[in-house]
Every structure is written in C-alpha cells, then in structure tokens.
C-alpha cells in the first residue's frame, strides 16, 4: 500500500477504549512530587511494566532516588540507524499538587469520566498525552511492522520543577539520534512551533538594620527593592514596545512573584530590616536575548548601589530556558501538517506555548527540532477540576501515529 493508505490504516488502528482506560490508570497513580512522601516512581513502574507486557524493552534510569526516566525504542524490521530517522514522543510523569481535594467536584485521582470529559489532576498535564503517545506507538507497530524508522518514547520526571528529567535524558545521550520530537503537552491539538522562554531570577538586597523611627541610621533594602521593581517595569514596557505582540506567544512579561523582608527571622513593625528578597518570573519571546536581559538587571543593581552608599545587591538567574522556534519547513512540521486534515477534517491550526516545556531543552541543548501539540485546553493545567476531553485524547493518538508514518517514511 502507498504511504497515504498506510497512514489511514494506522489511524484506524487506534483503540479508543484502550487509550481512555490507560489515561485513567495513569491519572489514578498520584505522582505529585513531595520530598519524602510521593514521587513518580509508582507511575514509572506501571508504564515500564506495561511496555514490557507489549514486548518492548524499556530502559529505566534513576535521575534521583524515586524519580526515574523511561526510555523505550521500537524500530521497524527494515530500520537501519545510519540511513533512517528517529522520531521521539516526549512526555512527563509528574503532576502538580491537587491542593485541597475537598474543593474538587470529583476526587482528583479518581479519573472519572463525565459527559465526555475525564477529570483528575494531571489528566491534561499530561497523562493524556503520555497515553496517546503509547497508543500511537501500538498502532504503528501493528500496521507497519517493517517500517524503515524508529520511534523513541522519552517519558521523564520533574518537568514541573527544574526539568532534571529531560536534562538527564540529554546528558546521557538519548537525544543524540533523535531527528524530530513531538512534545505531547496540552495545547488544544494546535501545532505549536513557538514556545516562550523563561528566566528564574533571584535578587537580594542587603542594607543596614535600624530603628523604624530613625531610618537615616541604616540603609533600607525595601526601598531599593521597590526602585528595582520600577526599573524592571520600565524594561518590560520598552521590550513590549520594541517587540510588539507575537502572533502566537503574545507579549513578554517580567513578573515579580515573591517579595520577602527580612529574608530570615521575624519581621517587626518598628524595625527597618537588613535584607530583602525579590523573585522574578520572566517570560520571553522571539527576539529577546536572556544574557542581555540579565546584563540589564545587573546594571539596575549597580546603579542603585552607586546612588545608595552601603547597599549591596546580588542578581542571580538560576534557570534560563530560551524561547524556541521551529522552522515551518522542517520535516516534523510537514509531517504533522500532512496528518492533521486526515484526523481533524480541517486545515491545521497553529498556536504557541505560553510556558517552557521539556522540549525547550531538547531544542536548546540537543538541537532537536520540536513541535508541541497534544490534548487538553492550554489554560486548564494546574487548576482545580482539571479535565481533558476524551475525544481529544483519541484524536491526538491518531495524529501522533499518522505523523510518525509521514515523518519516518517521508524524504
């Protein structure tokens, strides 16, 4: 059969009942990271055993105790590593906390299906995507056992934190042979070629403690922090004017998220503290340079120090996740664009990822072309009563499977 017929048969091979049941099973395993309490170990063990029962040979690598990555390859009988391509399906096993479970309409780890929606913490972000990827691989194996290509599942830990899972995956060389990756995050099944970047910045302000009635006897770090924020607000304004609103990513944002003073010890109404702390969550778009932004933040600090004797300011960017952009003519994009009308009966829809994903580091560190696309509303993750439409899970699995055919067999 020709490639289009093969693609159609692959889409038809997705078992709707199996994919919904798998999503429910994954949601029912609570994989909220809480040191000493819970982790991704149980859900990773479940996935690894599931893959073994399918005749696959998953590699389970511990990143830190209780937090493993799963790497699982399948290749067609005619696959030749030196001649043929590798497609990666990427997902993560951790989910954010459910918060107060009593405030949920349905128990957060019951995975109840109501009116075509599967409710539960992590249902959209992103156990539905993981289930869709696994079931897509099942369909490709069933229909195209002699495929001249390889599919790699990369199901990693700690996406919601410091992304240590995908960093470990890359450092161990598992991205070296990957020619393209589909990041299975909840993006309303829109083809996302752009992802916002992120900078996590800590700024500490050290002054001199004094009596609140005699502020002139010390140096007020809170006043310096306030002035620093005003500088950051002005930088945000200038960057938004310079860049305008990105078609898919919107505006860049420089957001103060934490203010604390004093940094340690008890605050007192009549004591001007010695120290203050500011956290900034900076979200960048195409055309911004993280090193230049950090340089400007440090410049703000030096300026305030020069105008305020005995004041010390330290600015630390402890995590930099660059924005990503995948060219529209890349083969992974072309494969998804070809598959899309077959699954959705309409022309491709495009979107942008408002935050960073594991794909950020696949793109930035390993130079792997990525497209982020998956089931679930992009605004629903981390909310109470998180859900995913069951029809969207099925469509995602079909899209992944058909895209694999076009990517691996295409020129």
Protein backbone atom coordinates (compact mmCIF):
# COMPACT_ATOMS: atom_id res chain seq x y z
CA UNK A 1 0.00 0.00 0.00
CA UNK A 2 1.13 3.59 -0.52
CA UNK A 3 2.01 5.97 2.30
CA UNK A 4 -1.45 7.61 2.44
CA UNK A 5 -3.19 4.24 2.70
CA UNK A 6 -0.72 3.18 5.39
CA UNK A 7 -1.42 6.38 7.28
CA UNK A 8 -5.18 5.78 7.16
CA UNK A 9 -4.82 2.21 8.42
CA UNK A 10 -2.59 3.43 11.24
CA UNK A 11 -5.18 5.99 12.34
CA UNK A 12 -7.87 3.31 12.28
CA UNK A 13 -5.70 1.05 14.44
CA UNK A 14 -6.03 3.33 17.49
CA UNK A 15 -8.17 1.54 20.07
CA UNK A 16 -10.40 4.18 21.67
CA UNK A 17 -11.35 2.12 24.71
CA UNK A 18 -7.74 1.21 25.49
CA UNK A 19 -6.47 4.76 25.33
CA UNK A 20 -9.15 6.08 27.69
CA UNK A 21 -8.55 3.24 30.14
CA UNK A 22 -4.81 3.86 30.04
CA UNK A 23 -5.28 7.56 30.71
CA UNK A 24 -7.49 6.72 33.68
CA UNK A 25 -4.93 4.27 35.06
CA UNK A 26 -2.17 6.87 34.80
CA UNK A 27 -4.24 9.60 36.47
CA UNK A 28 -5.17 7.24 39.30
CA UNK A 29 -1.50 6.91 40.24
CA UNK A 30 -0.75 10.01 42.28
CA UNK A 31 2.61 11.30 41.07
CA UNK A 32 2.86 14.63 42.85
CA UNK A 33 6.46 15.29 43.85
CA UNK A 34 6.71 15.84 47.58
CA UNK A 35 10.11 15.08 49.16
CA UNK A 36 9.82 12.08 51.42
CA UNK A 37 6.17 11.44 50.59
CA UNK A 38 5.47 10.72 46.95
CA UNK A 39 7.17 10.73 43.59
CA UNK A 40 6.96 9.46 40.04
CA UNK A 41 8.32 6.02 40.92
CA UNK A 42 4.95 4.24 41.02
CA UNK A 43 3.71 5.61 37.71
CA UNK A 44 7.07 4.97 36.05
CA UNK A 45 6.99 1.36 37.29
CA UNK A 46 3.48 0.99 35.89
CA UNK A 47 4.49 2.35 32.48
CA UNK A 48 7.65 0.25 32.32
CA UNK A 49 5.73 -2.94 33.12
CA UNK A 50 3.05 -2.01 30.59
CA UNK A 51 5.69 -1.61 27.88
CA UNK A 52 7.34 -4.92 28.82
CA UNK A 53 3.98 -6.66 28.52
CA UNK A 54 3.74 -5.25 25.00
CA UNK A 55 7.02 -6.96 24.12
CA UNK A 56 9.16 -3.82 24.36
CA UNK A 57 12.34 -3.29 26.37
CA UNK A 58 12.11 -0.03 28.29
CA UNK A 59 15.21 1.41 29.89
CA UNK A 60 14.53 2.84 33.33
CA UNK A 61 17.12 5.32 34.56
CA UNK A 62 17.04 6.86 38.02
CA UNK A 63 17.62 10.60 37.88
CA UNK A 64 17.42 11.00 41.64
CA UNK A 65 16.01 8.39 44.05
CA UNK A 66 12.32 7.86 43.39
CA UNK A 67 12.39 9.89 40.18
CA UNK A 68 13.13 7.76 37.10
CA UNK A 69 13.10 8.38 33.36
CA UNK A 70 11.74 5.82 30.92
CA UNK A 71 13.36 5.47 27.51
CA UNK A 72 11.84 2.93 25.14
CA UNK A 73 12.69 2.33 21.49
CA UNK A 74 10.87 0.44 18.81
CA UNK A 75 12.10 0.17 15.25
CA UNK A 76 10.69 -1.50 12.17
CA UNK A 77 12.25 -4.66 10.83
CA UNK A 78 13.92 -2.73 7.99
CA UNK A 79 15.34 0.02 10.21
CA UNK A 80 18.97 0.99 9.66
CA UNK A 81 20.30 3.52 12.15
CA UNK A 82 22.75 5.02 9.66
CA UNK A 83 20.08 5.53 6.97
CA UNK A 84 16.74 6.04 8.66
CA UNK A 85 15.18 8.58 11.02
CA UNK A 86 14.14 8.51 14.66
CA UNK A 87 11.00 10.24 15.93
CA UNK A 88 10.57 10.90 19.64
CA UNK A 89 7.33 11.16 21.57
CA UNK A 90 8.06 13.12 24.76
CA UNK A 91 6.05 13.36 27.95
CA UNK A 92 6.45 13.66 31.70
CA UNK A 93 5.11 11.66 34.63
CA UNK A 94 4.99 14.29 37.38
CA UNK A 95 1.93 16.40 38.15
CA UNK A 96 1.42 19.42 40.37
CA UNK A 97 -0.31 19.20 43.71
CA UNK A 98 -4.08 18.85 43.78
CA UNK A 99 -4.33 21.28 46.69
CA UNK A 100 -7.40 20.82 48.88
CA UNK A 101 -9.03 17.71 47.40
CA UNK A 102 -12.33 18.52 49.11
CA UNK A 103 -12.79 21.53 46.81
CA UNK A 104 -12.79 19.37 43.67
CA UNK A 105 -16.12 18.43 42.07
CA UNK A 106 -14.77 14.89 41.54
CA UNK A 107 -11.92 13.31 43.51
CA UNK A 108 -8.68 14.44 41.85
CA UNK A 109 -7.24 10.93 41.42
CA UNK A 110 -10.40 9.00 40.61
CA UNK A 111 -10.18 9.78 36.88
CA UNK A 112 -13.94 9.87 36.50
CA UNK A 113 -15.41 10.37 33.01
CA UNK A 114 -18.45 12.66 32.96
CA UNK A 115 -20.12 13.92 29.78
CA UNK A 116 -17.10 13.05 27.65
CA UNK A 117 -14.58 14.70 29.98
CA UNK A 118 -12.01 12.80 32.02
CA UNK A 119 -11.43 14.65 35.30
CA UNK A 120 -8.37 14.48 37.50
CA UNK A 121 -5.09 16.06 38.45
CA UNK A 122 -2.68 15.52 35.59
CA UNK A 123 -5.40 14.39 33.19
CA UNK A 124 -4.46 17.11 30.69
CA UNK A 125 -0.99 17.91 32.01
CA UNK A 126 -0.04 15.45 30.82
CA UNK A 127 -1.04 11.86 31.35
CA UNK A 128 -3.45 12.02 28.41
CA UNK A 129 -0.51 12.96 26.20
CA UNK A 130 1.60 10.12 27.57
CA UNK A 131 -1.24 7.65 26.97
CA UNK A 132 -1.74 8.99 23.44
CA UNK A 133 1.95 8.53 22.66
CA UNK A 134 2.00 4.94 23.93
CA UNK A 135 -1.15 4.04 21.99
CA UNK A 136 0.20 5.75 18.86
CA UNK A 137 3.26 3.54 19.05
CA UNK A 138 0.99 0.49 19.42
CA UNK A 139 -0.85 1.44 16.22
CA UNK A 140 2.35 1.96 14.22
CA UNK A 141 3.73 -1.38 15.39
CA UNK A 142 0.54 -3.15 14.42
CA UNK A 143 0.17 -1.66 10.94
CA UNK A 144 3.79 -1.12 9.88
CA UNK A 145 6.00 -3.78 11.48
CA UNK A 146 8.61 -3.39 8.72
CA UNK A 147 8.76 0.40 8.98
CA UNK A 148 12.07 1.95 7.97
CA UNK A 149 12.28 4.14 11.04
CA UNK A 150 12.41 4.22 14.80
CA UNK A 151 10.14 5.64 17.47
CA UNK A 152 11.58 6.57 20.85
CA UNK A 153 9.40 7.16 23.89
CA UNK A 154 11.00 9.61 26.29
CA UNK A 155 8.80 9.71 29.40
CA UNK A 156 10.66 11.70 32.01
CA UNK A 157 10.38 13.00 35.55
CA UNK A 158 10.38 16.51 37.02
CA UNK A 159 9.02 18.63 34.19
CA UNK A 160 7.07 20.70 36.70
CA UNK A 161 10.20 21.57 38.67
CA UNK A 162 13.72 22.13 37.37
CA UNK A 163 13.28 19.75 34.43
CA UNK A 164 16.03 17.50 35.74
CA UNK A 165 14.49 14.55 33.90
CA UNK A 166 14.94 15.89 30.38
CA UNK A 167 18.34 17.36 31.27
CA UNK A 168 19.47 13.91 32.45
CA UNK A 169 17.98 12.35 29.29
CA UNK A 170 20.04 14.69 27.11
CA UNK A 171 23.21 14.36 29.18
CA UNK A 172 23.03 10.57 28.86
CA UNK A 173 22.98 10.89 25.06
CA UNK A 174 19.40 9.75 24.45
CA UNK A 175 18.63 12.77 22.25
CA UNK A 176 21.69 12.33 20.05
CA UNK A 177 19.97 10.17 17.44
CA UNK A 178 16.58 11.92 17.51
CA UNK A 179 15.68 13.67 14.24
CA UNK A 180 12.44 15.23 15.46
CA UNK A 181 10.28 15.26 18.57
CA UNK A 182 6.60 15.71 19.32
CA UNK A 183 6.11 17.21 22.78
CA UNK A 184 2.75 15.82 23.90
CA UNK A 185 1.69 18.72 26.14
CA UNK A 186 -1.90 20.04 26.33
CA UNK A 187 -2.05 22.64 23.56
CA UNK A 188 -5.61 22.12 22.28
CA UNK A 189 -4.24 19.95 19.48
CA UNK A 190 -2.78 23.02 17.81
CA UNK A 191 0.57 22.81 16.04
CA UNK A 192 2.87 24.94 18.20
CA UNK A 193 6.12 25.94 16.53
CA UNK A 194 6.92 28.54 19.19
CA UNK A 195 7.43 28.29 22.94
CA UNK A 196 8.01 31.15 25.33
CA UNK A 197 11.30 31.30 27.15
CA UNK A 198 11.65 31.62 30.91
CA UNK A 199 14.15 33.17 33.28
CA UNK A 200 14.01 32.49 37.01
CA UNK A 201 15.77 35.34 38.79
CA UNK A 202 16.53 35.94 42.46
CA UNK A 203 17.57 39.39 43.63
CA UNK A 204 18.79 40.01 47.18
CA UNK A 205 19.13 43.45 48.71
CA UNK A 206 21.36 43.92 51.74
CA UNK A 207 21.20 47.16 53.71
CA UNK A 208 21.73 48.04 57.34
CA UNK A 209 19.15 47.41 60.04
CA UNK A 210 17.92 50.36 62.03
CA UNK A 211 15.06 51.62 64.16
CA UNK A 212 11.97 52.45 62.10
CA UNK A 213 11.90 55.87 63.71
CA UNK A 214 15.44 56.58 62.53
CA UNK A 215 15.76 55.15 59.01
CA UNK A 216 18.66 57.52 58.32
CA UNK A 217 20.76 55.46 60.73
CA UNK A 218 20.66 52.49 58.35
CA UNK A 219 20.06 51.53 54.73
CA UNK A 220 16.59 50.38 53.72
CA UNK A 221 16.72 47.33 51.39
CA UNK A 222 12.97 47.55 50.81
CA UNK A 223 13.28 50.99 49.24
CA UNK A 224 15.99 49.61 46.95
CA UNK A 225 13.81 46.63 46.06
CA UNK A 226 10.93 48.96 45.20
CA UNK A 227 13.16 51.06 42.95
CA UNK A 228 14.48 47.90 41.31
CA UNK A 229 10.93 46.77 40.52
CA UNK A 230 10.22 50.14 38.90
CA UNK A 231 13.26 49.64 36.67
CA UNK A 232 12.02 46.17 35.77
CA UNK A 233 8.56 47.53 34.93
CA UNK A 234 10.14 50.08 32.61
CA UNK A 235 12.25 47.39 30.94
CA UNK A 236 9.10 45.35 30.40
CA UNK A 237 7.35 48.35 28.86
CA UNK A 238 10.24 49.06 26.49
CA UNK A 239 10.55 45.41 25.45
CA UNK A 240 6.81 45.17 24.77
CA UNK A 241 7.02 48.28 22.60
CA UNK A 242 10.14 47.05 20.80
CA UNK A 243 8.81 43.58 20.03
CA UNK A 244 5.07 44.11 19.86
CA UNK A 245 2.68 41.23 20.40
CA UNK A 246 3.91 37.95 18.96
CA UNK A 247 1.28 36.22 16.82
CA UNK A 248 1.38 33.05 18.90
CA UNK A 249 3.23 33.96 22.11
CA UNK A 250 1.77 37.35 22.95
CA UNK A 251 3.82 39.86 24.95
CA UNK A 252 6.96 39.33 27.02
CA UNK A 253 6.45 39.67 30.78
CA UNK A 254 8.72 40.49 33.71
CA UNK A 255 6.68 39.46 36.75
CA UNK A 256 7.62 39.90 40.43
CA UNK A 257 6.32 36.76 42.15
CA UNK A 258 7.84 36.76 45.65
CA UNK A 259 8.86 39.58 47.98
CA UNK A 260 10.23 38.82 51.42
CA UNK A 261 11.80 41.05 54.07
CA UNK A 262 13.66 40.27 56.19
CA UNK A 263 14.88 37.21 54.34
CA UNK A 264 15.27 35.30 57.61
CA UNK A 265 13.88 35.91 61.06
CA UNK A 266 10.78 37.70 62.25
CA UNK A 267 9.58 40.99 60.79
CA UNK A 268 8.81 43.78 63.26
CA UNK A 269 6.74 46.86 62.61
CA UNK A 270 9.28 49.25 64.10
CA UNK A 271 12.42 47.65 62.64
CA UNK A 272 13.85 48.50 59.24
CA UNK A 273 15.23 45.14 58.14
CA UNK A 274 18.72 44.40 56.94
CA UNK A 275 17.69 42.33 53.92
CA UNK A 276 15.02 41.89 51.27
CA UNK A 277 14.41 39.29 48.59
CA UNK A 278 12.69 39.51 45.21
CA UNK A 279 11.82 36.70 42.79
CA UNK A 280 11.20 37.48 39.13
CA UNK A 281 9.48 35.16 36.65
CA UNK A 282 10.47 36.50 33.24
CA UNK A 283 8.77 35.12 30.13
CA UNK A 284 10.45 35.90 26.83
CA UNK A 285 9.51 35.76 23.17
CA UNK A 286 11.35 35.52 19.89
CA UNK A 287 13.95 38.26 19.54
CA UNK A 288 14.95 38.54 23.19
CA UNK A 289 18.41 37.65 24.48
CA UNK A 290 18.49 36.22 28.01
CA UNK A 291 22.11 37.26 28.56
CA UNK A 292 21.26 40.83 27.61
CA UNK A 293 18.27 40.87 29.95
CA UNK A 294 20.45 39.63 32.81
CA UNK A 295 23.05 42.28 31.99
CA UNK A 296 20.39 44.98 32.25
CA UNK A 297 19.12 43.64 35.58
CA UNK A 298 22.65 43.70 36.95
CA UNK A 299 23.03 47.23 35.62
CA UNK A 300 19.95 48.29 37.56
CA UNK A 301 21.54 46.84 40.67
CA UNK A 302 24.88 48.60 40.14
CA UNK A 303 23.09 51.89 39.57
CA UNK A 304 21.18 51.60 42.84
CA UNK A 305 24.35 50.66 44.70
CA UNK A 306 26.14 53.72 43.35
CA UNK A 307 23.34 56.02 44.46
CA UNK A 308 22.95 54.38 47.90
CA UNK A 309 26.13 54.00 49.96
CA UNK A 310 26.48 50.71 51.90
CA UNK A 311 23.76 48.99 49.85
CA UNK A 312 24.59 45.63 48.23
CA UNK A 313 22.51 43.97 45.51
CA UNK A 314 23.02 40.50 44.06
CA UNK A 315 21.14 39.30 40.98
CA UNK A 316 21.16 35.58 40.19
CA UNK A 317 19.50 33.92 37.20
CA UNK A 318 19.44 30.33 38.42
CA UNK A 319 17.47 28.94 35.46
CA UNK A 320 17.37 30.14 31.86
CA UNK A 321 15.02 28.44 29.42
CA UNK A 322 15.29 30.07 26.00
CA UNK A 323 12.33 30.61 23.72
CA UNK A 324 12.11 28.14 20.88
CA UNK A 325 11.11 28.38 17.24
CA UNK A 326 10.92 25.53 14.75
CA UNK A 327 11.02 26.44 11.04
CA UNK A 328 7.80 25.69 9.23
CA UNK A 329 9.64 23.77 6.51
CA UNK A 330 11.15 21.29 8.99
CA UNK A 331 10.17 17.65 8.24
CA UNK A 332 8.49 17.17 11.63
CA UNK A 333 6.27 20.17 10.94
CA UNK A 334 5.48 18.94 7.43
CA UNK A 335 4.55 15.50 8.78
CA UNK A 336 2.10 16.96 11.29
CA UNK A 337 0.63 19.33 8.72
CA UNK A 338 0.06 16.42 6.34
CA UNK A 339 -1.51 14.27 9.04
CA UNK A 340 -3.70 16.97 10.54
CA UNK A 341 -6.51 17.16 7.92
CA UNK A 342 -6.83 13.37 7.93
CA UNK A 343 -7.63 13.39 11.65
CA UNK A 344 -9.47 16.68 12.17
CA UNK A 345 -11.11 17.14 8.75
CA UNK A 346 -9.84 20.72 8.57
CA UNK A 347 -6.66 22.59 7.78
CA UNK A 348 -4.00 22.73 10.51
CA UNK A 349 -4.47 25.11 13.40
CA UNK A 350 -1.43 26.77 14.92
CA UNK A 351 -0.71 28.03 18.40
CA UNK A 352 2.07 28.97 20.80
CA UNK A 353 3.15 27.55 24.12
CA UNK A 354 2.83 30.19 26.87
CA UNK A 355 5.45 28.48 29.06
CA UNK A 356 8.55 26.34 28.75
CA UNK A 357 8.38 22.56 28.34
CA UNK A 358 10.87 19.70 28.26
CA UNK A 359 11.05 20.49 24.55
CA UNK A 360 12.83 23.72 25.47
CA UNK A 361 15.96 21.79 26.41
CA UNK A 362 15.64 19.25 23.59
CA UNK A 363 15.69 22.24 21.24
CA UNK A 364 18.29 24.39 23.03
CA UNK A 365 20.73 21.76 24.29
CA UNK A 366 20.33 18.87 21.86
CA UNK A 367 19.30 20.85 18.75
CA UNK A 368 16.32 18.54 18.17
CA UNK A 369 13.51 20.06 16.05
CA UNK A 370 10.36 20.04 18.17
CA UNK A 371 6.64 20.61 17.77
CA UNK A 372 4.42 20.88 20.84
CA UNK A 373 0.91 19.52 20.36
CA UNK A 374 -1.45 17.50 22.50
CA UNK A 375 -4.90 17.03 24.04
CA UNK A 376 -6.36 19.43 26.57
CA UNK A 377 -7.01 23.14 26.94
CA UNK A 378 -3.78 25.05 27.47
CA UNK A 379 -5.36 27.04 30.32
CA UNK A 380 -6.63 24.03 32.30
CA UNK A 381 -3.35 22.62 33.78
CA UNK A 382 -2.76 23.29 37.48
CA UNK A 383 -6.38 24.30 38.01
CA UNK A 384 -8.92 22.65 40.29
CA UNK A 385 -11.21 20.27 38.35
CA UNK A 386 -8.60 19.73 35.64
CA UNK A 387 -10.00 17.66 32.79
CA UNK A 388 -9.38 16.51 29.26
CA UNK A 389 -11.93 15.75 26.56
CA UNK A 390 -11.76 12.03 25.79
CA UNK A 391 -12.30 12.61 22.07
CA UNK A 392 -9.27 14.89 22.03
CA UNK A 393 -7.11 12.13 23.52
CA UNK A 394 -8.14 9.75 20.76
CA UNK A 395 -7.52 12.36 18.06
CA UNK A 396 -4.09 13.13 19.48
CA UNK A 397 -3.11 9.47 19.41
CA UNK A 398 -4.23 9.20 15.79
CA UNK A 399 -2.36 12.38 14.90
CA UNK A 400 0.84 11.11 16.54
CA UNK A 401 0.60 7.75 14.81
CA UNK A 402 -0.10 9.17 11.36
CA UNK A 403 2.59 11.84 11.76
CA UNK A 404 5.07 9.10 12.60
CA UNK A 405 4.29 7.37 9.31
CA UNK A 406 4.76 10.55 7.28
CA UNK A 407 7.88 11.63 9.17
CA UNK A 408 9.68 8.31 9.14
CA UNK A 409 8.80 7.37 5.56
CA UNK A 410 9.00 10.86 4.09
CA UNK A 411 12.04 12.30 2.36
